Amino acid sequence: MADKPSGITGGLGWLLFVGGVLALVGFAIYALAVDDEAPVYIKLGVVAVYGGLALLLLSVLRQQLIARKTDKYKDVQR
């Protein structure tokens, strides 16, 4: 699965995913900061969702950094 077309489509998929997430985050920031018509419970819900995702990302990143120290396959050459 390390051929060139799969690498290109994988990279394009990540680019689209990150672009979509950035667009949603931008809209959420707009809704929280500028839009006065949004109810408070919607604003709290958006903060909870994005805050929860950020905390999950940090916990996975921390676990990976800890596991990297004791990875027995770290120095294996392909």
PDB file of N, CA and C in Angstrom:
ATOM      1  N   MET A   1       0.811  -1.197   0.000  1.00  0.00           N
ATOM      2  CA  MET A   1       0.000   0.000   0.000  1.00  0.00           C
ATOM      3  C   MET A   1       0.853   1.260   0.000  1.00  0.00           C
ATOM      4  N   ALA A   2       2.119   1.143  -0.274  1.00  0.00           N
ATOM      5  CA  ALA A   2       2.993   2.310  -0.264  1.00  0.00           C
ATOM      6  C   ALA A   2       3.244   2.840  -1.671  1.00  0.00           C
ATOM      7  N   ASP A   3       2.315   2.606  -2.594  1.00  0.00           N
ATOM      8  CA  ASP A   3       2.507   3.110  -3.946  1.00  0.00           C
ATOM      9  C   ASP A   3       2.123   4.587  -4.032  1.00  0.00           C
ATOM     10  N   LYS A   4       2.510   5.210  -5.121  1.00  0.00           N
ATOM     11  CA  LYS A   4       2.329   6.648  -5.269  1.00  0.00           C
ATOM     12  C   LYS A   4       0.854   7.087  -5.274  1.00  0.00           C
ATOM     13  N   PRO A   5      -0.048   6.419  -6.012  1.00  0.00           N
ATOM     14  CA  PRO A   5      -1.453   6.873  -5.998  1.00  0.00           C
ATOM     15  C   PRO A   5      -2.099   6.831  -4.612  1.00  0.00           C
ATOM     16  N   SER A   6      -1.791   5.802  -3.831  1.00  0.00           N
ATOM     17  CA  SER A   6      -2.393   5.760  -2.499  1.00  0.00           C
ATOM     18  C   SER A   6      -1.827   6.849  -1.607  1.00  0.00           C
ATOM     19  N   GLY A   7      -0.570   7.217  -1.805  1.00  0.00           N
ATOM     20  CA  GLY A   7       0.008   8.322  -1.041  1.00  0.00           C
ATOM     21  C   GLY A   7      -0.624   9.652  -1.405  1.00  0.00           C
ATOM     22  N   ILE A   8      -0.898   9.830  -2.695  1.00  0.00           N
ATOM     23  CA  ILE A   8      -1.522  11.082  -3.148  1.00  0.00           C
ATOM     24  C   ILE A   8      -2.955  11.188  -2.630  1.00  0.00           C
ATOM     25  N   THR A   9      -3.721  10.106  -2.748  1.00  0.00           N
ATOM     26  CA  THR A   9      -5.105  10.161  -2.284  1.00  0.00           C
ATOM     27  C   THR A   9      -5.178  10.292  -0.767  1.00  0.00           C
ATOM     28  N   GLY A  10      -4.246   9.660  -0.067  1.00  0.00           N
ATOM     29  CA  GLY A  10      -4.209   9.821   1.383  1.00  0.00           C
ATOM     30  C   GLY A  10      -3.897  11.250   1.785  1.00  0.00           C
ATOM     31  N   GLY A  11      -2.922  11.841   1.108  1.00  0.00           N
ATOM     32  CA  GLY A  11      -2.581  13.235   1.399  1.00  0.00           C
ATOM     33  C   GLY A  11      -3.718  14.181   1.073  1.00  0.00           C
ATOM     34  N   LEU A  12      -4.408  13.929  -0.057  1.00  0.00           N
ATOM     35  CA  LEU A  12      -5.540  14.760  -0.435  1.00  0.00           C
ATOM     36  C   LEU A  12      -6.684  14.598   0.570  1.00  0.00           C
ATOM     37  N   GLY A  13      -6.892  13.380   1.039  1.00  0.00           N
ATOM     38  CA  GLY A  13      -7.931  13.135   2.040  1.00  0.00           C
ATOM     39  C   GLY A  13      -7.658  13.893   3.328  1.00  0.00           C
ATOM     40  N   TRP A  14      -6.411  13.855   3.789  1.00  0.00           N
ATOM     41  CA  TRP A  14      -6.054  14.600   5.002  1.00  0.00           C
ATOM     42  C   TRP A  14      -6.212  16.101   4.791  1.00  0.00           C
ATOM     43  N   LEU A  15      -5.840  16.583   3.613  1.00  0.00           N
ATOM     44  CA  LEU A  15      -5.975  18.009   3.310  1.00  0.00           C
ATOM     45  C   LEU A  15      -7.440  18.438   3.361  1.00  0.00           C
ATOM     46  N   LEU A  16      -8.320  17.649   2.757  1.00  0.00           N
ATOM     47  CA  LEU A  16      -9.746  17.963   2.795  1.00  0.00           C
ATOM     48  C   LEU A  16     -10.294  17.888   4.214  1.00  0.00           C
ATOM     49  N   PHE A  17      -9.874  16.888   4.965  1.00  0.00           N
ATOM     50  CA  PHE A  17     -10.343  16.741   6.345  1.00  0.00           C
ATOM     51  C   PHE A  17      -9.929  17.930   7.199  1.00  0.00           C
ATOM     52  N   VAL A  18      -8.659  18.291   7.136  1.00  0.00           N
ATOM     53  CA  VAL A  18      -8.161  19.415   7.936  1.00  0.00           C
ATOM     54  C   VAL A  18      -8.826  20.719   7.500  1.00  0.00           C
ATOM     55  N   GLY A  19      -9.018  20.904   6.189  1.00  0.00           N
ATOM     56  CA  GLY A  19      -9.705  22.096   5.702  1.00  0.00           C
ATOM     57  C   GLY A  19     -11.132  22.191   6.217  1.00  0.00           C
ATOM     58  N   GLY A  20     -11.832  21.063   6.231  1.00  0.00           N
ATOM     59  CA  GLY A  20     -13.194  21.042   6.756  1.00  0.00           C
ATOM     60  C   GLY A  20     -13.250  21.341   8.239  1.00  0.00           C
ATOM     61  N   VAL A  21     -12.324  20.766   8.984  1.00  0.00           N
ATOM     62  CA  VAL A  21     -12.278  21.025  10.427  1.00  0.00           C
ATOM     63  C   VAL A  21     -11.979  22.498  10.695  1.00  0.00           C
ATOM     64  N   LEU A  22     -11.045  23.076   9.943  1.00  0.00           N
ATOM     65  CA  LEU A  22     -10.740  24.497  10.124  1.00  0.00           C
ATOM     66  C   LEU A  22     -11.937  25.374   9.790  1.00  0.00           C
ATOM     67  N   ALA A  23     -12.695  25.014   8.752  1.00  0.00           N
ATOM     68  CA  ALA A  23     -13.895  25.774   8.409  1.00  0.00           C
ATOM     69  C   ALA A  23     -14.934  25.687   9.523  1.00  0.00           C
ATOM     70  N   LEU A  24     -15.128  24.496  10.083  1.00  0.00           N
ATOM     71  CA  LEU A  24     -16.088  24.346  11.181  1.00  0.00           C
ATOM     72  C   LEU A  24     -15.650  25.095  12.429  1.00  0.00           C
ATOM     73  N   VAL A  25     -14.368  25.047  12.726  1.00  0.00           N
ATOM     74  CA  VAL A  25     -13.848  25.784  13.887  1.00  0.00           C
ATOM     75  C   VAL A  25     -14.028  27.277  13.676  1.00  0.00           C
ATOM     76  N   GLY A  26     -13.757  27.757  12.463  1.00  0.00           N
ATOM     77  CA  GLY A  26     -13.964  29.176  12.175  1.00  0.00           C
ATOM     78  C   GLY A  26     -15.414  29.590  12.345  1.00  0.00           C
ATOM     79  N   PHE A  27     -16.331  28.757  11.859  1.00  0.00           N
ATOM     80  CA  PHE A  27     -17.748  29.051  12.037  1.00  0.00           C
ATOM     81  C   PHE A  27     -18.142  29.025  13.509  1.00  0.00           C
ATOM     82  N   ALA A  28     -17.600  28.078  14.259  1.00  0.00           N
ATOM     83  CA  ALA A  28     -17.914  27.999  15.691  1.00  0.00           C
ATOM     84  C   ALA A  28     -17.409  29.235  16.426  1.00  0.00           C
ATOM     85  N   ILE A  29     -16.213  29.686  16.090  1.00  0.00           N
ATOM     86  CA  ILE A  29     -15.680  30.895  16.725  1.00  0.00           C
ATOM     87  C   ILE A  29     -16.557  32.097  16.378  1.00  0.00           C
ATOM     88  N   TYR A  30     -16.978  32.180  15.114  1.00  0.00           N
ATOM     89  CA  TYR A  30     -17.883  33.256  14.713  1.00  0.00           C
ATOM     90  C   TYR A  30     -19.185  33.196  15.510  1.00  0.00           C
ATOM     91  N   ALA A  31     -19.746  32.001  15.628  1.00  0.00           N
ATOM     92  CA  ALA A  31     -21.019  31.847  16.334  1.00  0.00           C
ATOM     93  C   ALA A  31     -20.875  32.205  17.805  1.00  0.00           C
ATOM     94  N   LEU A  32     -19.730  31.908  18.375  1.00  0.00           N
ATOM     95  CA  LEU A  32     -19.532  32.208  19.794  1.00  0.00           C
ATOM     96  C   LEU A  32     -19.242  33.679  20.034  1.00  0.00           C
ATOM     97  N   ALA A  33     -18.465  34.298  19.163  1.00  0.00           N
ATOM     98  CA  ALA A  33     -17.985  35.649  19.426  1.00  0.00           C
ATOM     99  C   ALA A  33     -18.883  36.731  18.840  1.00  0.00           C
ATOM    100  N   VAL A  34     -19.393  36.535  17.631  1.00  0.00           N
ATOM    101  CA  VAL A  34     -20.048  37.621  16.919  1.00  0.00           C
ATOM    102  C   VAL A  34     -21.570  37.502  16.931  1.00  0.00           C
ATOM    103  N   ASP A  35     -22.072  36.322  16.708  1.00  0.00           N
ATOM    104  CA  ASP A  35     -23.507  36.135  16.551  1.00  0.00           C
ATOM    105  C   ASP A  35     -24.216  36.239  17.898  1.00  0.00           C
ATOM    106  N   ASP A  36     -24.983  37.302  18.084  1.00  0.00           N
ATOM    107  CA  ASP A  36     -25.698  37.502  19.349  1.00  0.00           C
ATOM    108  C   ASP A  36     -27.006  36.719  19.406  1.00  0.00           C
ATOM    109  N   GLU A  37     -27.461  36.200  18.265  1.00  0.00           N
ATOM    110  CA  GLU A  37     -28.730  35.486  18.232  1.00  0.00           C
ATOM    111  C   GLU A  37     -28.609  34.034  18.686  1.00  0.00           C
ATOM    112  N   ALA A  38     -27.400  33.516  18.743  1.00  0.00           N
ATOM    113  CA  ALA A  38     -27.225  32.113  19.151  1.00  0.00           C
ATOM    114  C   ALA A  38     -27.526  31.983  20.643  1.00  0.00           C
ATOM    115  N   PRO A  39     -28.365  31.002  21.011  1.00  0.00           N
ATOM    116  CA  PRO A  39     -28.683  30.807  22.438  1.00  0.00           C
ATOM    117  C   PRO A  39     -27.457  30.352  23.228  1.00  0.00           C
ATOM    118  N   VAL A  40     -27.500  30.585  24.516  1.00  0.00           N
ATOM    119  CA  VAL A  40     -26.375  30.257  25.387  1.00  0.00           C
ATOM    120  C   VAL A  40     -26.097  28.756  25.386  1.00  0.00           C
ATOM    121  N   TYR A  41     -27.145  27.927  25.359  1.00  0.00           N
ATOM    122  CA  TYR A  41     -26.914  26.479  25.396  1.00  0.00           C
ATOM    123  C   TYR A  41     -26.202  25.986  24.137  1.00  0.00           C
ATOM    124  N   ILE A  42     -26.434  26.642  22.994  1.00  0.00           N
ATOM    125  CA  ILE A  42     -25.702  26.284  21.776  1.00  0.00           C
ATOM    126  C   ILE A  42     -24.233  26.672  21.930  1.00  0.00           C
ATOM    127  N   LYS A  43     -23.989  27.847  22.463  1.00  0.00           N
ATOM    128  CA  LYS A  43     -22.616  28.295  22.667  1.00  0.00           C
ATOM    129  C   LYS A  43     -21.879  27.363  23.631  1.00  0.00           C
ATOM    130  N   LEU A  44     -22.526  26.978  24.709  1.00  0.00           N
ATOM    131  CA  LEU A  44     -21.903  26.056  25.665  1.00  0.00           C
ATOM    132  C   LEU A  44     -21.683  24.682  25.044  1.00  0.00           C
ATOM    133  N   GLY A  45     -22.612  24.245  24.224  1.00  0.00           N
ATOM    134  CA  GLY A  45     -22.458  22.955  23.552  1.00  0.00           C
ATOM    135  C   GLY A  45     -21.279  22.939  22.596  1.00  0.00           C
ATOM    136  N   VAL A  46     -21.116  24.018  21.850  1.00  0.00           N
ATOM    137  CA  VAL A  46     -19.983  24.106  20.922  1.00  0.00           C
ATOM    138  C   VAL A  46     -18.666  24.120  21.694  1.00  0.00           C
ATOM    139  N   VAL A  47     -18.608  24.885  22.766  1.00  0.00           N
ATOM    140  CA  VAL A  47     -17.392  24.910  23.591  1.00  0.00           C
ATOM    141  C   VAL A  47     -17.118  23.530  24.172  1.00  0.00           C
ATOM    142  N   ALA A  48     -18.154  22.821  24.615  1.00  0.00           N
ATOM    143  CA  ALA A  48     -17.977  21.487  25.190  1.00  0.00           C
ATOM    144  C   ALA A  48     -17.455  20.499  24.153  1.00  0.00           C
ATOM    145  N   VAL A  49     -18.010  20.531  22.938  1.00  0.00           N
ATOM    146  CA  VAL A  49     -17.580  19.595  21.898  1.00  0.00           C
ATOM    147  C   VAL A  49     -16.126  19.842  21.516  1.00  0.00           C
ATOM    148  N   TYR A  50     -15.796  21.089  21.215  1.00  0.00           N
ATOM    149  CA  TYR A  50     -14.427  21.380  20.803  1.00  0.00           C
ATOM    150  C   TYR A  50     -13.439  21.229  21.959  1.00  0.00           C
ATOM    151  N   GLY A  51     -13.855  21.570  23.152  1.00  0.00           N
ATOM    152  CA  GLY A  51     -12.984  21.359  24.307  1.00  0.00           C
ATOM    153  C   GLY A  51     -12.736  19.880  24.562  1.00  0.00           C
ATOM    154  N   GLY A  52     -13.791  19.076  24.431  1.00  0.00           N
ATOM    155  CA  GLY A  52     -13.643  17.633  24.601  1.00  0.00           C
ATOM    156  C   GLY A  52     -12.733  17.025  23.552  1.00  0.00           C
ATOM    157  N   LEU A  53     -12.884  17.447  22.304  1.00  0.00           N
ATOM    158  CA  LEU A  53     -12.005  16.942  21.246  1.00  0.00           C
ATOM    159  C   LEU A  53     -10.552  17.344  21.487  1.00  0.00           C
ATOM    160  N   ALA A  54     -10.349  18.562  21.950  1.00  0.00           N
ATOM    161  CA  ALA A  54      -8.985  19.010  22.237  1.00  0.00           C
ATOM    162  C   ALA A  54      -8.370  18.190  23.370  1.00  0.00           C
ATOM    163  N   LEU A  55      -9.142  17.913  24.402  1.00  0.00           N
ATOM    164  CA  LEU A  55      -8.623  17.112  25.518  1.00  0.00           C
ATOM    165  C   LEU A  55      -8.332  15.677  25.090  1.00  0.00           C
ATOM    166  N   LEU A  56      -9.193  15.099  24.245  1.00  0.00           N
ATOM    167  CA  LEU A  56      -8.936  13.750  23.731  1.00  0.00           C
ATOM    168  C   LEU A  56      -7.662  13.718  22.887  1.00  0.00           C
ATOM    169  N   LEU A  57      -7.474  14.726  22.054  1.00  0.00           N
ATOM    170  CA  LEU A  57      -6.267  14.802  21.241  1.00  0.00           C
ATOM    171  C   LEU A  57      -5.028  14.896  22.113  1.00  0.00           C
ATOM    172  N   LEU A  58      -5.081  15.722  23.142  1.00  0.00           N
ATOM    173  CA  LEU A  58      -3.928  15.852  24.033  1.00  0.00           C
ATOM    174  C   LEU A  58      -3.641  14.556  24.783  1.00  0.00           C
ATOM    175  N   SER A  59      -4.691  13.831  25.194  1.00  0.00           N
ATOM    176  CA  SER A  59      -4.456  12.582  25.922  1.00  0.00           C
ATOM    177  C   SER A  59      -3.841  11.520  25.014  1.00  0.00           C
ATOM    178  N   VAL A  60      -4.297  11.435  23.759  1.00  0.00           N
ATOM    179  CA  VAL A  60      -3.717  10.471  22.825  1.00  0.00           C
ATOM    180  C   VAL A  60      -2.277  10.844  22.500  1.00  0.00           C
ATOM    181  N   LEU A  61      -2.018  12.126  22.304  1.00  0.00           N
ATOM    182  CA  LEU A  61      -0.657  12.584  22.044  1.00  0.00           C
ATOM    183  C   LEU A  61       0.267  12.254  23.211  1.00  0.00           C
ATOM    184  N   ARG A  62      -0.206  12.463  24.416  1.00  0.00           N
ATOM    185  CA  ARG A  62       0.593  12.143  25.610  1.00  0.00           C
ATOM    186  C   ARG A  62       0.876  10.641  25.683  1.00  0.00           C
ATOM    187  N   GLN A  63      -0.132   9.810  25.422  1.00  0.00           N
ATOM    188  CA  GLN A  63       0.059   8.363  25.450  1.00  0.00           C
ATOM    189  C   GLN A  63       1.073   7.923  24.405  1.00  0.00           C
ATOM    190  N   GLN A  64       1.008   8.503  23.223  1.00  0.00           N
ATOM    191  CA  GLN A  64       1.945   8.130  22.159  1.00  0.00           C
ATOM    192  C   GLN A  64       3.371   8.544  22.511  1.00  0.00           C
ATOM    193  N   LEU A  65       3.531   9.696  23.117  1.00  0.00           N
ATOM    194  CA  LEU A  65       4.870  10.139  23.511  1.00  0.00           C
ATOM    195  C   LEU A  65       5.447   9.253  24.607  1.00  0.00           C
ATOM    196  N   ILE A  66       4.622   8.808  25.527  1.00  0.00           N
ATOM    197  CA  ILE A  66       5.084   7.907  26.589  1.00  0.00           C
ATOM    198  C   ILE A  66       5.432   6.541  26.002  1.00  0.00           C
ATOM    199  N   ALA A  67       4.588   6.017  25.102  1.00  0.00           N
ATOM    200  CA  ALA A  67       4.828   4.709  24.497  1.00  0.00           C
ATOM    201  C   ALA A  67       6.054   4.719  23.595  1.00  0.00           C
ATOM    202  N   ARG A  68       6.372   5.866  23.030  1.00  0.00           N
ATOM    203  CA  ARG A  68       7.522   5.972  22.129  1.00  0.00           C
ATOM    204  C   ARG A  68       8.841   5.679  22.855  1.00  0.00           C
ATOM    205  N   LYS A  69       8.900   5.993  24.137  1.00  0.00           N
ATOM    206  CA  LYS A  69      10.132   5.781  24.905  1.00  0.00           C
ATOM    207  C   LYS A  69      10.474   4.301  25.038  1.00  0.00           C
ATOM    208  N   THR A  70       9.451   3.446  25.114  1.00  0.00           N
ATOM    209  CA  THR A  70       9.694   2.015  25.338  1.00  0.00           C
ATOM    210  C   THR A  70       9.345   1.163  24.124  1.00  0.00           C
ATOM    211  N   ASP A  71       9.229   1.759  22.950  1.00  0.00           N
ATOM    212  CA  ASP A  71       8.876   1.018  21.748  1.00  0.00           C
ATOM    213  C   ASP A  71      10.038   0.129  21.323  1.00  0.00           C
ATOM    214  N   LYS A  72       9.817  -1.202  21.325  1.00  0.00           N
ATOM    215  CA  LYS A  72      10.905  -2.122  21.012  1.00  0.00           C
ATOM    216  C   LYS A  72      11.202  -2.167  19.516  1.00  0.00           C
ATOM    217  N   TYR A  73      10.352  -1.613  18.684  1.00  0.00           N
ATOM    218  CA  TYR A  73      10.587  -1.598  17.240  1.00  0.00           C
ATOM    219  C   TYR A  73      11.090  -0.253  16.727  1.00  0.00           C
ATOM    220  N   LYS A  74      11.486   0.621  17.631  1.00  0.00           N
ATOM    221  CA  LYS A  74      11.891   1.969  17.249  1.00  0.00           C
ATOM    222  C   LYS A  74      13.105   1.985  16.320  1.00  0.00           C
ATOM    223  N   ASP A  75      14.077   1.134  16.557  1.00  0.00           N
ATOM    224  CA  ASP A  75      15.305   1.149  15.796  1.00  0.00           C
ATOM    225  C   ASP A  75      15.365   0.099  14.691  1.00  0.00           C
ATOM    226  N   VAL A  76      14.242  -0.537  14.375  1.00  0.00           N
ATOM    227  CA  VAL A  76      14.207  -1.552  13.337  1.00  0.00           C
ATOM    228  C   VAL A  76      14.190  -0.859  11.987  1.00  0.00           C
ATOM    229  N   GLN A  77      15.087  -1.310  11.099  1.00  0.00           N
ATOM    230  CA  GLN A  77      15.175  -0.753   9.744  1.00  0.00           C
ATOM    231  C   GLN A  77      14.267  -1.542   8.813  1.00  0.00           C
ATOM    232  N   ARG A  78      13.693  -0.887   7.815  1.00  0.00           N
ATOM    233  CA  ARG A  78      12.841  -1.574   6.839  1.00  0.00           C
ATOM    234  C   ARG A  78      13.663  -2.195   5.766  1.00  0.00           C
TER     235      ARG A  78
END
